Amino acid sequence: MKRIFTIITVLISLSLIGLILIQVSWINNMVLLRQEQIKHSVEEATKMVGNELAQHKGGFTPGTAKKGLLSDAFSLDIFKPITIGQRFNLEDIRNRIRRTFTLYKLKDVPFEFGIASFDKYDNNVFEIVTPNFAVAFEDTLNNFSFNWGLEAFSGTAGENLTVSEGLFVVVPNIKSLVFKDLRWRIATSVLFTIIILAAFYLTVRTMLRQKKLGEIKNDFINNMTHEFKTPIATISLAVDAMRNEKVISDKEKLRYFSGIIKEENQRMNRQVETILKASQLEKQEVDLNLKPVNVHEIIKEVVGNFALQLESKNGKVDMHLNATNDLIDADEVHFSNLVNNLVDNAVKYARENTPPQIRITTQSGSKYFTFRIEDNGIGMNRDTVKRIFERFYRAHTGNVHNVKGFGLGLSYVKTMVEAHQGEIKAESTLGKGSVFTIDIPLRKV
């Protein structure tokens, strides 16, 4: 079973790692693809705007021409070509670019732009730029830029005579833009990856819990077998003894052996009731008969029932019932069993050759009644303290072999405390003893 569990865990882990790597690769490819799509759209949009602007090249503005010259006999000194930067203002070009970006589904994409003219030595001078263009244009690491030449079309008056110009468009922080554009897809991918991780965690946790439950149930079956075998063997011996001719004729011996049979039968009945009670608690079938109860009276009655056991071990119980108000709404039977289980544990788990010393104290506040029971028994380590309220769990008692039970007592105690709207807390030090503290709401007057 352990080997199968390891194999399943390794296989699931490998599958999960592979799936995560595929997801990361898919997201990376999706980001790169989207980035290239945006770049291509920006390039096409820039070309379209550039071609629209280039249509307006080739016009001239009158210069200082001499009178008497024919219109077809002109000199370049007389006429001066108009550049795109002179023909259009900043907002005109911005609106053209924005309309074209919208056409290419780049409506929310920010941009900076500039119009530059070039001399015969290819030195550029920006005639018109947006306020942040210079900074954006220089940051080539984070920003994407594209330029398109603005040349006069063939056949126009200014062909080969106009100044060379170019339209520069910069898209700032293109990677951030891509991630923003794909945020829902990436978030969905990450979400499903987290769900798969959570499912894997829950699967492994469930398998571990099932394994622990299997071990606990095996221990429970072993304990139950032991608990029933002992009274059955005792009853069998008593029945065999009663068949003896000498015993049959002796009424005192018959009475003695029949008493043993009755006592062992009652013991088995109690064990059956304990198991049935645990089953009812698991199904939430227990109905509490709540009524006003004085806790001090229940504590005194329970402690009195342990007088003989404590006397046989030279133990004692110190009671400091300091609560000024001990009236609560409780089911008297279940609450008595609750206190009985705590005292019983304090007696059972006493240290070897050490008389049990049990201290019970009570206090009351404005809303809660506090019941505290402290012993000097074998105590528990931290791991045990965390699990003592689990059903069927029994702490390892070292050399204490006379402690019997099904591991249902403290589970029952916690269930009953919570059923009474209270809280229970356990503290313990190995080799020194344990402390259980219960807070139960006081009865509202």
Protein backbone atom coordinates (compact mmCIF):
# COMPACT_ATOMS: atom_id res chain seq x y z
CA MET A 1 0.00 0.00 0.00
CA LYS A 2 2.82 2.37 0.90
CA ARG A 3 4.59 1.59 -2.41
CA ILE A 4 1.41 2.23 -4.44
CA PHE A 5 0.87 5.53 -2.62
CA THR A 6 4.46 6.62 -3.45
CA ILE A 7 4.07 5.65 -7.12
CA ILE A 8 0.75 7.52 -7.43
CA THR A 9 2.23 10.62 -5.77
CA VAL A 10 5.27 10.61 -8.08
CA LEU A 11 3.14 10.14 -11.20
CA ILE A 12 0.74 12.92 -10.23
CA SER A 13 3.69 15.20 -9.37
CA LEU A 14 5.36 14.58 -12.75
CA SER A 15 2.06 15.20 -14.56
CA LEU A 16 1.53 18.39 -12.61
CA ILE A 17 5.06 19.68 -13.31
CA GLY A 18 4.62 18.89 -17.02
CA LEU A 19 1.27 20.66 -17.10
CA ILE A 20 2.70 23.76 -15.39
CA LEU A 21 5.63 23.87 -17.83
CA ILE A 22 3.21 23.62 -20.76
CA GLN A 23 1.11 26.43 -19.26
CA VAL A 24 4.18 28.65 -18.82
CA SER A 25 5.29 27.91 -22.40
CA TRP A 26 1.79 28.62 -23.71
CA ILE A 27 1.59 31.95 -21.86
CA ASN A 28 5.06 32.94 -23.09
CA ASN A 29 4.17 32.10 -26.70
CA MET A 30 0.84 33.89 -26.38
CA VAL A 31 2.61 37.04 -25.09
CA LEU A 32 5.19 36.95 -27.91
CA LEU A 33 2.49 36.39 -30.53
CA ARG A 34 0.35 39.23 -29.22
CA GLN A 35 3.39 41.49 -29.08
CA GLU A 36 4.17 40.75 -32.74
CA GLN A 37 0.52 41.34 -33.67
CA ILE A 38 0.54 44.76 -32.00
CA LYS A 39 3.85 45.65 -33.68
CA HIS A 40 2.53 44.62 -37.09
CA SER A 41 -0.69 46.60 -36.58
CA VAL A 42 1.31 49.67 -35.49
CA GLU A 43 3.51 49.37 -38.58
CA GLU A 44 0.51 49.08 -40.92
CA ALA A 45 -1.29 51.96 -39.22
CA THR A 46 1.85 54.14 -39.46
CA LYS A 47 2.20 53.33 -43.16
CA MET A 48 -1.43 54.24 -43.82
CA VAL A 49 -1.13 57.57 -42.01
CA GLY A 50 2.21 58.26 -43.72
CA ASN A 51 0.74 57.64 -47.16
CA GLU A 52 -2.21 59.90 -46.38
CA LEU A 53 0.14 62.68 -45.33
CA ALA A 54 2.41 62.12 -48.35
CA GLN A 55 -0.51 62.90 -50.67
CA HIS A 56 -0.26 66.51 -49.53
CA LYS A 57 3.40 66.85 -50.50
CA GLY A 58 4.33 68.63 -53.71
CA GLY A 59 2.63 71.97 -53.11
CA PHE A 60 4.66 75.23 -53.13
CA THR A 61 4.43 78.56 -51.41
CA PRO A 62 5.31 81.76 -53.33
CA GLY A 63 8.78 83.09 -52.70
CA THR A 64 10.58 86.25 -53.92
CA ALA A 65 10.05 85.77 -57.69
CA LYS A 66 10.95 88.56 -60.11
CA LYS A 67 8.17 90.13 -62.19
CA GLY A 68 7.96 89.44 -65.90
CA LEU A 69 9.02 85.86 -65.74
CA LEU A 70 6.77 83.27 -67.37
CA SER A 71 5.03 80.73 -65.12
CA ASP A 72 6.82 77.82 -66.74
CA ALA A 73 10.24 79.43 -66.44
CA PHE A 74 10.87 79.32 -62.75
CA SER A 75 13.83 78.84 -60.48
CA LEU A 76 14.14 76.93 -57.19
CA ASP A 77 15.21 80.15 -55.64
CA ILE A 78 11.82 81.65 -56.41
CA PHE A 79 9.59 78.89 -54.98
CA LYS A 80 9.87 77.12 -51.61
CA PRO A 81 8.33 73.61 -51.04
CA ILE A 82 5.89 73.14 -48.13
CA THR A 83 6.75 70.32 -45.67
CA ILE A 84 4.23 68.12 -43.86
CA GLY A 85 5.33 69.66 -40.58
CA GLN A 86 4.36 73.09 -41.93
CA ARG A 87 1.08 72.00 -43.53
CA PHE A 88 -0.40 70.16 -40.49
CA ASN A 89 -0.42 70.94 -36.79
CA LEU A 90 0.10 68.50 -33.92
CA GLU A 91 -3.59 67.78 -33.26
CA ASP A 92 -4.34 67.11 -36.92
CA ILE A 93 -1.70 64.41 -37.11
CA ARG A 94 -2.64 63.00 -33.68
CA ASN A 95 -6.28 62.62 -34.76
CA ARG A 96 -5.27 60.92 -38.00
CA ILE A 97 -3.10 58.44 -36.11
CA ARG A 98 -5.82 57.81 -33.50
CA ARG A 99 -8.46 57.11 -36.19
CA THR A 100 -6.13 54.71 -37.97
CA PHE A 101 -5.18 52.96 -34.70
CA THR A 102 -8.88 52.44 -34.02
CA LEU A 103 -9.26 50.95 -37.47
CA TYR A 104 -6.50 48.46 -36.67
CA LYS A 105 -8.04 47.62 -33.25
CA LEU A 106 -5.46 49.66 -31.36
CA LYS A 107 -7.98 52.04 -29.85
CA ASP A 108 -6.55 52.02 -26.30
CA VAL A 109 -2.89 51.84 -27.33
CA PRO A 110 -0.95 54.97 -26.26
CA PHE A 111 1.54 56.49 -28.67
CA GLU A 112 3.97 59.35 -29.23
CA PHE A 113 4.93 60.67 -32.68
CA GLY A 114 7.13 63.12 -34.52
CA ILE A 115 7.66 64.46 -38.06
CA ALA A 116 11.30 64.80 -39.11
CA SER A 117 12.90 66.30 -42.25
CA PHE A 118 16.23 65.14 -43.69
CA ASP A 119 18.94 67.08 -45.49
CA LYS A 120 21.25 65.75 -48.20
CA TYR A 121 23.55 64.40 -45.49
CA ASP A 122 20.65 62.43 -43.90
CA ASN A 123 20.71 64.60 -40.80
CA ASN A 124 17.20 64.75 -39.36
CA VAL A 125 15.47 67.69 -37.75
CA PHE A 126 12.16 67.10 -35.98
CA GLU A 127 9.74 69.76 -37.10
CA ILE A 128 6.81 68.62 -34.96
CA VAL A 129 6.78 66.23 -31.95
CA THR A 130 4.52 65.31 -29.03
CA PRO A 131 5.72 66.39 -25.55
CA ASN A 132 7.04 62.94 -24.51
CA PHE A 133 8.32 61.81 -27.88
CA ALA A 134 12.02 62.42 -27.26
CA VAL A 135 12.13 60.38 -24.04
CA ALA A 136 10.02 57.56 -25.53
CA PHE A 137 12.07 57.45 -28.75
CA GLU A 138 15.35 57.04 -26.86
CA ASP A 139 14.10 54.12 -24.71
CA THR A 140 14.44 51.33 -27.24
CA LEU A 141 14.51 48.63 -24.57
CA ASN A 142 10.91 49.06 -23.35
CA ASN A 143 9.32 50.93 -26.25
CA PHE A 144 8.59 49.97 -29.85
CA SER A 145 9.15 52.56 -32.60
CA PHE A 146 8.50 52.52 -36.32
CA ASN A 147 9.09 55.17 -39.01
CA TRP A 148 7.75 55.63 -42.53
CA GLY A 149 9.12 57.92 -45.21
CA LEU A 150 6.89 60.74 -46.47
CA GLU A 151 7.74 61.05 -50.15
CA ALA A 152 5.79 62.95 -52.83
CA PHE A 153 3.92 60.65 -55.18
CA SER A 154 5.08 60.25 -58.77
CA GLY A 155 3.62 62.79 -61.14
CA THR A 156 3.11 65.58 -58.62
CA ALA A 157 4.65 69.00 -59.06
CA GLY A 158 6.99 68.54 -56.13
CA GLU A 159 8.34 65.14 -57.15
CA ASN A 160 12.09 64.99 -56.48
CA LEU A 161 11.99 68.59 -55.29
CA THR A 162 10.40 68.36 -51.85
CA VAL A 163 12.34 67.87 -48.66
CA SER A 164 12.64 64.26 -47.48
CA GLU A 165 10.51 63.67 -44.38
CA GLY A 166 9.56 60.77 -42.11
CA LEU A 167 6.77 59.92 -39.69
CA PHE A 168 8.02 58.37 -36.42
CA VAL A 169 5.53 56.58 -34.13
CA VAL A 170 6.51 55.18 -30.72
CA VAL A 171 4.41 52.84 -28.56
CA PRO A 172 5.63 53.08 -24.92
CA ASN A 173 5.94 50.02 -22.66
CA ILE A 174 4.78 47.53 -25.24
CA LYS A 175 5.36 44.54 -22.94
CA SER A 176 3.16 46.05 -20.23
CA LEU A 177 0.60 46.79 -22.90
CA VAL A 178 0.63 43.17 -24.04
CA PHE A 179 0.24 41.85 -20.50
CA LYS A 180 -2.61 44.27 -19.87
CA ASP A 181 -4.31 43.17 -23.07
CA LEU A 182 -3.93 39.48 -22.13
CA ARG A 183 -4.50 39.87 -18.40
CA TRP A 184 -7.79 37.95 -18.34
CA ARG A 185 -6.39 35.03 -20.33
CA ILE A 186 -3.27 34.89 -18.17
CA ALA A 187 -5.34 35.24 -14.99
CA THR A 188 -7.64 32.42 -16.13
CA SER A 189 -4.65 30.23 -16.92
CA VAL A 190 -3.07 30.94 -13.52
CA LEU A 191 -6.42 30.35 -11.79
CA PHE A 192 -6.87 26.93 -13.37
CA THR A 193 -3.25 26.08 -12.52
CA ILE A 194 -3.94 27.01 -8.89
CA ILE A 195 -7.11 24.90 -8.97
CA ILE A 196 -5.11 21.95 -10.28
CA LEU A 197 -2.48 22.48 -7.55
CA ALA A 198 -5.22 22.67 -4.93
CA ALA A 199 -6.80 19.48 -6.30
CA PHE A 200 -3.41 17.76 -6.17
CA TYR A 201 -2.87 18.94 -2.60
CA LEU A 202 -6.34 17.78 -1.55
CA THR A 203 -5.81 14.43 -3.29
CA VAL A 204 -2.52 13.79 -1.51
CA ARG A 205 -3.94 15.03 1.78
CA THR A 206 -7.00 12.79 1.39
CA MET A 207 -4.78 9.81 0.62
CA LEU A 208 -2.70 10.52 3.71
CA ARG A 209 -5.83 10.90 5.81
CA GLN A 210 -7.21 7.64 4.41
CA LYS A 211 -3.94 5.96 5.27
CA LYS A 212 -4.08 7.33 8.82
CA LEU A 213 -7.75 6.35 9.11
CA GLY A 214 -6.83 2.85 8.00
CA GLU A 215 -4.20 2.65 10.72
CA ILE A 216 -6.59 4.10 13.29
CA LYS A 217 -9.33 1.65 12.34
CA ASN A 218 -6.91 -1.25 12.60
CA ASP A 219 -5.96 -0.06 16.08
CA PHE A 220 -9.64 0.33 16.90
CA ILE A 221 -10.41 -3.22 15.77
CA ASN A 222 -7.48 -4.55 17.81
CA ASN A 223 -8.64 -2.62 20.87
CA MET A 224 -12.24 -3.71 20.38
CA THR A 225 -11.16 -7.33 19.99
CA HIS A 226 -9.19 -7.08 23.22
CA GLU A 227 -12.03 -5.33 25.04
CA PHE A 228 -14.55 -8.03 24.08
CA LYS A 229 -12.27 -11.05 24.32
CA THR A 230 -11.49 -10.41 27.97
CA PRO A 231 -15.11 -10.40 29.27
CA ILE A 232 -16.05 -13.26 26.93
CA ALA A 233 -13.17 -15.35 28.26
CA THR A 234 -14.13 -14.46 31.84
CA ILE A 235 -17.79 -15.40 31.21
CA SER A 236 -16.70 -18.65 29.58
CA LEU A 237 -14.56 -19.57 32.58
CA ALA A 238 -17.38 -18.66 34.98
CA VAL A 239 -19.87 -20.81 33.02
CA ASP A 240 -17.43 -23.75 33.03
CA ALA A 241 -16.93 -23.32 36.75
CA MET A 242 -20.70 -23.28 37.38
CA ARG A 243 -20.99 -26.65 35.65
CA ASN A 244 -18.72 -28.20 38.22
CA GLU A 245 -20.60 -30.51 40.59
CA LYS A 246 -19.05 -28.91 43.66
CA VAL A 247 -20.02 -25.40 42.55
CA ILE A 248 -23.57 -26.45 41.67
CA SER A 249 -24.11 -27.62 45.25
CA ASP A 250 -22.57 -24.43 46.72
CA LYS A 251 -24.99 -21.49 46.56
CA GLU A 252 -22.32 -18.97 47.57
CA LYS A 253 -20.05 -19.98 44.68
CA LEU A 254 -23.00 -19.96 42.28
CA ARG A 255 -23.85 -16.46 43.44
CA TYR A 256 -20.20 -15.42 43.05
CA PHE A 257 -19.80 -16.76 39.50
CA SER A 258 -23.22 -15.47 38.39
CA GLY A 259 -22.18 -12.04 39.72
CA ILE A 260 -19.02 -12.23 37.57
CA ILE A 261 -21.10 -13.10 34.50
CA LYS A 262 -23.47 -10.20 35.15
CA GLU A 263 -20.60 -7.75 35.73
CA GLU A 264 -18.79 -8.79 32.54
CA ASN A 265 -22.05 -8.66 30.60
CA GLN A 266 -22.63 -5.10 31.80
CA ARG A 267 -19.08 -4.26 30.83
CA MET A 268 -19.69 -5.46 27.26
CA ASN A 269 -22.95 -3.52 27.16
CA ARG A 270 -21.09 -0.37 28.15
CA GLN A 271 -18.58 -0.93 25.37
CA VAL A 272 -21.39 -1.44 22.84
CA GLU A 273 -23.10 1.72 24.08
CA THR A 274 -19.84 3.64 23.66
CA ILE A 275 -19.52 2.52 20.04
CA LEU A 276 -23.18 3.24 19.29
CA LYS A 277 -22.89 6.66 20.91
CA ALA A 278 -19.87 7.47 18.73
CA SER A 279 -21.83 6.40 15.65
CA GLN A 280 -24.72 8.66 16.63
CA LEU A 281 -22.39 11.60 17.19
CA GLU A 282 -20.84 11.06 13.78
CA LYS A 283 -24.30 11.20 12.19
CA GLN A 284 -25.33 14.19 14.32
CA GLU A 285 -28.27 12.21 15.70
CA VAL A 286 -27.90 13.16 19.38
CA ASP A 287 -30.61 15.48 20.69
CA LEU A 288 -29.71 17.43 23.81
CA ASN A 289 -32.30 17.80 26.54
CA LEU A 290 -31.24 21.22 27.77
CA LYS A 291 -32.31 22.43 31.16
CA PRO A 292 -30.82 24.53 34.00
CA VAL A 293 -27.94 22.61 35.61
CA ASN A 294 -25.62 23.48 38.51
CA VAL A 295 -22.17 22.38 37.37
CA HIS A 296 -20.71 22.23 40.89
CA GLU A 297 -23.19 19.51 41.84
CA ILE A 298 -22.24 17.43 38.79
CA ILE A 299 -18.52 17.82 39.53
CA LYS A 300 -18.97 16.71 43.15
CA GLU A 301 -21.07 13.72 42.10
CA VAL A 302 -18.56 12.59 39.45
CA VAL A 303 -15.57 12.99 41.76
CA GLY A 304 -17.42 10.99 44.41
CA ASN A 305 -17.79 8.09 41.95
CA PHE A 306 -13.99 7.89 41.62
CA ALA A 307 -13.35 7.84 45.37
CA LEU A 308 -12.56 4.10 45.50
CA GLN A 309 -10.25 4.17 42.46
CA LEU A 310 -8.34 7.14 43.86
CA GLU A 311 -8.13 5.52 47.29
CA SER A 312 -6.66 2.34 45.80
CA LYS A 313 -3.90 4.44 44.15
CA ASN A 314 -3.41 6.78 47.13
CA GLY A 315 -4.57 9.66 44.93
CA LYS A 316 -6.73 12.64 45.70
CA VAL A 317 -8.74 15.40 44.07
CA ASP A 318 -8.42 19.01 45.19
CA MET A 319 -11.54 20.95 44.29
CA HIS A 320 -11.53 24.74 44.23
CA LEU A 321 -15.04 25.58 43.10
CA ASN A 322 -14.63 29.36 43.03
CA ALA A 323 -17.32 30.19 40.48
CA THR A 324 -19.98 32.46 41.95
CA ASN A 325 -22.39 31.42 39.21
CA ASP A 326 -22.43 27.78 38.03
CA LEU A 327 -25.85 27.69 36.39
CA ILE A 328 -25.80 26.67 32.70
CA ASP A 329 -28.22 25.25 30.16
CA ALA A 330 -27.05 21.67 29.63
CA ASP A 331 -28.06 18.08 29.05
CA GLU A 332 -27.41 16.65 32.51
CA VAL A 333 -26.58 13.12 31.26
CA HIS A 334 -24.18 14.18 28.52
CA PHE A 335 -22.53 16.85 30.65
CA SER A 336 -22.00 14.36 33.47
CA ASN A 337 -20.42 11.96 30.97
CA LEU A 338 -18.21 14.77 29.72
CA VAL A 339 -16.86 15.52 33.22
CA ASN A 340 -16.64 11.78 33.94
CA ASN A 341 -14.42 11.19 30.88
CA LEU A 342 -12.01 13.97 31.87
CA VAL A 343 -11.65 12.71 35.44
CA ASP A 344 -11.36 9.12 34.20
CA ASN A 345 -8.47 10.11 31.88
CA ALA A 346 -6.73 11.91 34.72
CA VAL A 347 -6.92 8.72 36.82
CA LYS A 348 -6.07 6.26 34.04
CA TYR A 349 -3.04 8.11 32.69
CA ALA A 350 -1.30 8.53 36.05
CA ARG A 351 2.45 7.97 36.16
CA GLU A 352 3.66 4.61 37.35
CA ASN A 353 4.28 4.48 41.13
CA THR A 354 3.04 8.06 41.43
CA PRO A 355 -0.27 8.75 43.19
CA PRO A 356 -2.61 10.77 40.92
CA GLN A 357 -3.03 14.35 42.06
CA ILE A 358 -6.02 16.00 40.36
CA ARG A 359 -6.87 19.66 40.75
CA ILE A 360 -10.28 20.96 39.68
CA THR A 361 -11.00 24.69 39.66
CA THR A 362 -13.96 26.74 38.45
CA GLN A 363 -14.49 30.39 37.72
CA SER A 364 -17.30 32.47 36.29
CA GLY A 365 -17.35 35.72 34.38
CA SER A 366 -20.13 37.79 32.93
CA LYS A 367 -20.88 35.31 30.12
CA TYR A 368 -18.93 32.09 30.63
CA PHE A 369 -18.41 29.38 33.22
CA THR A 370 -14.82 28.06 33.20
CA PHE A 371 -14.02 24.50 34.28
CA ARG A 372 -10.36 23.48 34.57
CA ILE A 373 -9.01 20.03 35.40
CA GLU A 374 -5.27 19.50 35.93
CA ASP A 375 -3.38 16.26 36.64
CA ASN A 376 0.18 15.09 37.27
CA GLY A 377 0.01 12.16 34.87
CA ILE A 378 2.25 10.98 32.03
CA GLY A 379 1.41 14.01 29.88
CA MET A 380 1.57 14.28 26.11
CA ASN A 381 3.87 15.67 23.45
CA ARG A 382 2.81 18.44 21.04
CA ASP A 383 1.82 16.10 18.22
CA THR A 384 -0.42 14.10 20.53
CA VAL A 385 -2.07 17.25 21.93
CA LYS A 386 -3.00 18.26 18.37
CA ARG A 387 -4.73 14.92 17.70
CA ILE A 388 -6.29 13.85 21.01
CA PHE A 389 -9.75 15.07 19.98
CA GLU A 390 -9.75 12.95 16.80
CA ARG A 391 -12.13 10.01 16.70
CA PHE A 392 -10.47 6.64 17.49
CA TYR A 393 -7.10 8.28 18.19
CA ARG A 394 -5.26 6.86 21.19
CA ALA A 395 -2.00 8.31 22.46
CA HIS A 396 0.96 6.00 22.80
CA THR A 397 1.36 5.36 26.52
CA GLY A 398 4.85 3.92 26.57
CA ASN A 399 5.06 1.33 29.34
CA VAL A 400 1.45 1.85 30.44
CA HIS A 401 -0.21 -1.34 29.18
CA ASN A 402 -3.25 -1.35 31.45
CA VAL A 403 -4.96 1.61 29.79
CA LYS A 404 -7.85 0.39 27.67
CA GLY A 405 -10.43 2.03 25.45
CA PHE A 406 -11.41 2.84 21.90
CA GLY A 407 -10.03 6.37 21.64
CA LEU A 408 -13.53 7.87 21.68
CA GLY A 409 -13.57 9.59 25.09
CA LEU A 410 -12.00 12.95 24.24
CA SER A 411 -13.70 13.03 20.84
CA TYR A 412 -17.00 12.70 22.69
CA VAL A 413 -15.94 15.41 25.17
CA LYS A 414 -15.13 17.90 22.40
CA THR A 415 -18.36 17.11 20.55
CA MET A 416 -20.43 17.65 23.69
CA VAL A 417 -18.63 20.88 24.61
CA GLU A 418 -19.29 22.28 21.15
CA ALA A 419 -22.89 21.04 21.28
CA HIS A 420 -23.27 23.17 24.44
CA GLN A 421 -21.84 26.18 22.51
CA GLY A 422 -18.60 25.98 24.48
CA GLU A 423 -14.88 25.65 23.81
CA ILE A 424 -12.26 23.23 25.09
CA LYS A 425 -8.49 23.68 25.16
CA ALA A 426 -5.80 21.13 26.02
CA GLU A 427 -2.30 21.80 27.33
CA SER A 428 0.24 19.19 28.30
CA THR A 429 3.90 18.57 29.07
CA LEU A 430 5.33 15.10 28.57
CA GLY A 431 6.10 13.51 31.93
CA LYS A 432 4.48 16.29 33.98
CA GLY A 433 0.75 16.14 33.30
CA SER A 434 -2.11 17.68 31.36
CA VAL A 435 -4.60 20.52 31.72
CA PHE A 436 -8.04 20.72 30.11
CA THR A 437 -9.95 24.00 30.18
CA ILE A 438 -13.62 24.27 29.20
CA ASP A 439 -15.64 27.47 28.73
CA ILE A 440 -19.42 27.05 28.70
CA PRO A 441 -21.93 29.91 28.31
CA LEU A 442 -23.78 30.75 31.51
CA ARG A 443 -27.54 30.52 31.55
CA LYS A 444 -29.14 33.77 30.43
CA VAL A 445 -31.41 35.14 33.10
